[in-house]
Amino acid sequence: MELTYQDRAQRLSKIIEIAEAIIKTSNTLSEDLKSHMLQWGEQVKYMALYPEPKFKRVGSIKSLENDFLNYWNEATGPEVEMFWSALNNNNIQLERKDIFKAILKRRKIKDLSEYDYVIDNIVICEQLRKINNEQVIELNKFLEDFEHRNAGKM
């Protein structure tokens, strides 16, 4: 059964609270990153719990979830593992996604959310060696294909 907007908003609020607790106790994240992540979590939580009427849709809350979870899906380290473990311990059923892997397997960027994700993360993921040069070339081709398919819509 599909969760309602309110159910998803409450779940996202709990996810953010779990992330905040992990961030605040981290010994490996910089103070700047901690501050940024905590502020971002507060903003996402507020948007989820108190949306403008036009954004009180399941599609909108799914976008907020994806945006918030980007870091936790793509980063590595003890905090990330603690986060996913804590979600499991709190019976929050979320799948950890590797968006680049999914795009590369599918050989296509499926929507604007994935397009934005690739644009925002391709350079850093290449620098961190999460993707190799051949994958960067493929992803750039998929970006170009998406732009051609959606010319005039973006």
C-alpha atoms as a PDB file:
ATOM      1  CA  MET A   1       0.000   0.000   0.000  1.00  0.00           C
ATOM      2  CA  GLU A   2       1.271   3.445  -0.956  1.00  0.00           C
ATOM      3  CA  LEU A   3       1.963   5.707   2.006  1.00  0.00           C
ATOM      4  CA  THR A   4       0.001   8.964   2.237  1.00  0.00           C
ATOM      5  CA  TYR A   5       1.713  12.342   2.137  1.00  0.00           C
ATOM      6  CA  GLN A   6       1.341  12.687   5.913  1.00  0.00           C
ATOM      7  CA  ASP A   7       2.748   9.202   6.574  1.00  0.00           C
ATOM      8  CA  ARG A   8       5.761   9.940   4.378  1.00  0.00           C
ATOM      9  CA  ALA A   9       6.274  13.358   5.996  1.00  0.00           C
ATOM     10  CA  GLN A  10       6.274  11.796   9.477  1.00  0.00           C
ATOM     11  CA  ARG A  11       8.674   9.080   8.343  1.00  0.00           C
ATOM     12  CA  LEU A  12      11.001  11.664   6.751  1.00  0.00           C
ATOM     13  CA  SER A  13      10.915  13.691   9.958  1.00  0.00           C
ATOM     14  CA  LYS A  14      12.024  10.599  11.910  1.00  0.00           C
ATOM     15  CA  ILE A  15      14.759   9.864   9.327  1.00  0.00           C
ATOM     16  CA  ILE A  16      16.058  13.421   9.715  1.00  0.00           C
ATOM     17  CA  GLU A  17      16.061  13.111  13.516  1.00  0.00           C
ATOM     18  CA  ILE A  18      18.127   9.927  13.238  1.00  0.00           C
ATOM     19  CA  ALA A  19      20.561  11.658  10.878  1.00  0.00           C
ATOM     20  CA  GLU A  20      20.824  14.671  13.218  1.00  0.00           C
ATOM     21  CA  ALA A  21      21.755  12.482  16.184  1.00  0.00           C
ATOM     22  CA  ILE A  22      24.496  10.780  14.161  1.00  0.00           C
ATOM     23  CA  ILE A  23      25.810  14.055  12.746  1.00  0.00           C
ATOM     24  CA  LYS A  24      25.942  15.744  16.151  1.00  0.00           C
ATOM     25  CA  THR A  25      28.005  12.925  17.683  1.00  0.00           C
ATOM     26  CA  SER A  26      30.363  12.493  14.717  1.00  0.00           C
ATOM     27  CA  ASN A  27      34.094  12.771  15.310  1.00  0.00           C
ATOM     28  CA  THR A  28      34.983  12.540  11.631  1.00  0.00           C
ATOM     29  CA  LEU A  29      32.734  15.143   9.952  1.00  0.00           C
ATOM     30  CA  SER A  30      34.039  18.711   9.865  1.00  0.00           C
ATOM     31  CA  GLU A  31      32.174  21.340  11.863  1.00  0.00           C
ATOM     32  CA  ASP A  32      31.278  23.149   8.621  1.00  0.00           C
ATOM     33  CA  LEU A  33      29.795  19.999   7.117  1.00  0.00           C
ATOM     34  CA  LYS A  34      27.933  19.215  10.340  1.00  0.00           C
ATOM     35  CA  SER A  35      26.452  22.706  10.393  1.00  0.00           C
ATOM     36  CA  HIS A  36      25.432  22.514   6.735  1.00  0.00           C
ATOM     37  CA  MET A  37      23.894  19.048   7.119  1.00  0.00           C
ATOM     38  CA  LEU A  38      21.949  20.034  10.242  1.00  0.00           C
ATOM     39  CA  GLN A  39      20.579  23.179   8.581  1.00  0.00           C
ATOM     40  CA  TRP A  40      19.631  21.209   5.466  1.00  0.00           C
ATOM     41  CA  GLY A  41      17.833  18.627   7.614  1.00  0.00           C
ATOM     42  CA  GLU A  42      15.868  21.367   9.402  1.00  0.00           C
ATOM     43  CA  GLN A  43      14.835  22.898   6.079  1.00  0.00           C
ATOM     44  CA  VAL A  44      13.735  19.570   4.592  1.00  0.00           C
ATOM     45  CA  LYS A  45      11.832  18.658   7.753  1.00  0.00           C
ATOM     46  CA  TYR A  46      10.006  21.989   7.737  1.00  0.00           C
ATOM     47  CA  MET A  47       9.115  21.672   4.036  1.00  0.00           C
ATOM     48  CA  ALA A  48       7.821  18.138   4.639  1.00  0.00           C
ATOM     49  CA  LEU A  49       5.742  18.904   7.719  1.00  0.00           C
ATOM     50  CA  TYR A  50       4.466  22.351   6.668  1.00  0.00           C
ATOM     51  CA  PRO A  51       4.231  22.272   2.881  1.00  0.00           C
ATOM     52  CA  GLU A  52       2.625  24.908   0.738  1.00  0.00           C
ATOM     53  CA  PRO A  53      -0.710  23.456  -0.427  1.00  0.00           C
ATOM     54  CA  LYS A  54       0.542  22.989  -3.995  1.00  0.00           C
ATOM     55  CA  PHE A  55       3.406  20.800  -2.683  1.00  0.00           C
ATOM     56  CA  LYS A  56       1.301  18.566  -0.425  1.00  0.00           C
ATOM     57  CA  ARG A  57       1.514  15.698  -2.903  1.00  0.00           C
ATOM     58  CA  VAL A  58       3.171  12.302  -2.660  1.00  0.00           C
ATOM     59  CA  GLY A  59       5.386  13.214  -5.636  1.00  0.00           C
ATOM     60  CA  SER A  60       6.678  16.273  -3.783  1.00  0.00           C
ATOM     61  CA  ILE A  61       7.510  14.382  -0.600  1.00  0.00           C
ATOM     62  CA  LYS A  62       9.276  11.716  -2.666  1.00  0.00           C
ATOM     63  CA  SER A  63      11.465  14.457  -4.145  1.00  0.00           C
ATOM     64  CA  LEU A  64      12.286  15.755  -0.665  1.00  0.00           C
ATOM     65  CA  GLU A  65      13.159  12.217   0.456  1.00  0.00           C
ATOM     66  CA  ASN A  66      15.451  11.737  -2.538  1.00  0.00           C
ATOM     67  CA  ASP A  67      17.125  15.096  -2.005  1.00  0.00           C
ATOM     68  CA  PHE A  68      17.715  14.431   1.685  1.00  0.00           C
ATOM     69  CA  LEU A  69      18.948  10.879   1.146  1.00  0.00           C
ATOM     70  CA  ASN A  70      21.439  11.764  -1.617  1.00  0.00           C
ATOM     71  CA  TYR A  71      24.295  12.167   0.847  1.00  0.00           C
ATOM     72  CA  TRP A  72      23.409   9.008   2.784  1.00  0.00           C
ATOM     73  CA  ASN A  73      23.097   6.977  -0.421  1.00  0.00           C
ATOM     74  CA  GLU A  74      26.375   8.071  -1.965  1.00  0.00           C
ATOM     75  CA  ALA A  75      28.753   8.841   0.901  1.00  0.00           C
ATOM     76  CA  THR A  76      30.858   6.326   2.794  1.00  0.00           C
ATOM     77  CA  GLY A  77      32.164   6.198   6.325  1.00  0.00           C
ATOM     78  CA  PRO A  78      31.146   5.232   9.828  1.00  0.00           C
ATOM     79  CA  GLU A  79      28.322   7.795  10.034  1.00  0.00           C
ATOM     80  CA  VAL A  80      26.736   6.487   6.847  1.00  0.00           C
ATOM     81  CA  GLU A  81      26.814   2.904   8.095  1.00  0.00           C
ATOM     82  CA  MET A  82      25.417   4.028  11.469  1.00  0.00           C
ATOM     83  CA  PHE A  83      22.616   5.894   9.666  1.00  0.00           C
ATOM     84  CA  TRP A  84      21.464   2.868   7.652  1.00  0.00           C
ATOM     85  CA  SER A  85      21.767   0.610  10.683  1.00  0.00           C
ATOM     86  CA  ALA A  86      19.715   3.051  12.779  1.00  0.00           C
ATOM     87  CA  LEU A  87      16.987   3.171  10.121  1.00  0.00           C
ATOM     88  CA  ASN A  88      16.842  -0.626  10.183  1.00  0.00           C
ATOM     89  CA  ASN A  89      16.762  -0.677  14.000  1.00  0.00           C
ATOM     90  CA  ASN A  90      13.841   1.789  13.912  1.00  0.00           C
ATOM     91  CA  ASN A  91      11.940  -0.367  11.397  1.00  0.00           C
ATOM     92  CA  ILE A  92      12.211   2.270   8.683  1.00  0.00           C
ATOM     93  CA  GLN A  93      12.286   0.315   5.455  1.00  0.00           C
ATOM     94  CA  LEU A  94      14.300   2.249   2.886  1.00  0.00           C
ATOM     95  CA  GLU A  95      16.472   0.853   0.153  1.00  0.00           C
ATOM     96  CA  ARG A  96      19.972   2.249  -0.091  1.00  0.00           C
ATOM     97  CA  LYS A  97      20.320   3.389  -3.689  1.00  0.00           C
ATOM     98  CA  ASP A  98      23.329   3.799  -5.913  1.00  0.00           C
ATOM     99  CA  ILE A  99      21.881   6.172  -8.475  1.00  0.00           C
ATOM    100  CA  PHE A 100      24.895   6.109 -10.792  1.00  0.00           C
ATOM    101  CA  LYS A 101      24.872   2.317 -10.825  1.00  0.00           C
ATOM    102  CA  ALA A 102      21.162   2.265 -11.675  1.00  0.00           C
ATOM    103  CA  ILE A 103      21.588   4.769 -14.516  1.00  0.00           C
ATOM    104  CA  LEU A 104      24.594   2.940 -15.930  1.00  0.00           C
ATOM    105  CA  LYS A 105      22.764  -0.398 -15.792  1.00  0.00           C
ATOM    106  CA  ARG A 106      19.631   1.056 -17.404  1.00  0.00           C
ATOM    107  CA  ARG A 107      21.745   3.053 -19.898  1.00  0.00           C
ATOM    108  CA  LYS A 108      19.422   6.028 -19.540  1.00  0.00           C
ATOM    109  CA  ILE A 109      18.550   8.912 -17.230  1.00  0.00           C
ATOM    110  CA  LYS A 110      14.851   8.438 -16.536  1.00  0.00           C
ATOM    111  CA  ASP A 111      13.752  11.766 -15.060  1.00  0.00           C
ATOM    112  CA  LEU A 112      14.714  15.299 -14.067  1.00  0.00           C
ATOM    113  CA  SER A 113      15.624  14.198 -10.544  1.00  0.00           C
ATOM    114  CA  GLU A 114      18.245  11.765 -11.886  1.00  0.00           C
ATOM    115  CA  TYR A 115      19.440  14.358 -14.396  1.00  0.00           C
ATOM    116  CA  ASP A 116      19.967  16.916 -11.609  1.00  0.00           C
ATOM    117  CA  TYR A 117      21.675  14.285  -9.481  1.00  0.00           C
ATOM    118  CA  VAL A 118      24.189  13.466 -12.228  1.00  0.00           C
ATOM    119  CA  ILE A 119      24.856  17.147 -12.926  1.00  0.00           C
ATOM    120  CA  ASP A 120      25.420  17.843  -9.205  1.00  0.00           C
ATOM    121  CA  ASN A 121      27.532  14.777  -8.409  1.00  0.00           C
ATOM    122  CA  ILE A 122      29.447  13.534 -11.441  1.00  0.00           C
ATOM    123  CA  VAL A 123      32.639  15.520 -10.769  1.00  0.00           C
ATOM    124  CA  ILE A 124      32.892  14.732  -7.060  1.00  0.00           C
ATOM    125  CA  CYS A 125      32.135  11.049  -7.630  1.00  0.00           C
ATOM    126  CA  GLU A 126      34.827  10.876 -10.291  1.00  0.00           C
ATOM    127  CA  GLN A 127      37.288  12.589  -7.938  1.00  0.00           C
ATOM    128  CA  LEU A 128      36.392  10.124  -5.174  1.00  0.00           C
ATOM    129  CA  ARG A 129      36.810   7.309  -7.721  1.00  0.00           C
ATOM    130  CA  LYS A 130      33.262   6.064  -7.222  1.00  0.00           C
ATOM    131  CA  ILE A 131      32.984   6.141 -11.004  1.00  0.00           C
ATOM    132  CA  ASN A 132      35.730   5.672 -13.561  1.00  0.00           C
ATOM    133  CA  ASN A 133      36.553   7.633 -16.721  1.00  0.00           C
ATOM    134  CA  GLU A 134      34.551   5.318 -18.992  1.00  0.00           C
ATOM    135  CA  GLN A 135      31.518   5.708 -16.743  1.00  0.00           C
ATOM    136  CA  VAL A 136      31.915   9.509 -16.800  1.00  0.00           C
ATOM    137  CA  ILE A 137      31.892   9.390 -20.614  1.00  0.00           C
ATOM    138  CA  GLU A 138      28.758   7.216 -20.579  1.00  0.00           C
ATOM    139  CA  LEU A 139      27.006   9.439 -18.045  1.00  0.00           C
ATOM    140  CA  ASN A 140      27.789  12.541 -20.101  1.00  0.00           C
ATOM    141  CA  LYS A 141      26.243  10.804 -23.126  1.00  0.00           C
ATOM    142  CA  PHE A 142      23.150   9.971 -21.069  1.00  0.00           C
ATOM    143  CA  LEU A 143      22.944  13.634 -19.960  1.00  0.00           C
ATOM    144  CA  GLU A 144      23.073  14.725 -23.589  1.00  0.00           C
ATOM    145  CA  ASP A 145      20.425  12.150 -24.586  1.00  0.00           C
ATOM    146  CA  PHE A 146      18.148  13.325 -21.762  1.00  0.00           C
ATOM    147  CA  GLU A 147      18.574  16.966 -22.820  1.00  0.00           C
ATOM    148  CA  HIS A 148      17.657  16.082 -26.418  1.00  0.00           C
ATOM    149  CA  ARG A 149      14.590  14.054 -25.319  1.00  0.00           C
ATOM    150  CA  ASN A 150      13.415  16.889 -23.111  1.00  0.00           C
ATOM    151  CA  ALA A 151      14.330  19.912 -25.214  1.00  0.00           C
ATOM    152  CA  GLY A 152      11.865  22.681 -24.471  1.00  0.00           C
ATOM    153  CA  LYS A 153      10.617  20.997 -21.264  1.00  0.00           C
ATOM    154  CA  MET A 154      13.540  21.929 -19.016  1.00  0.00           C
END
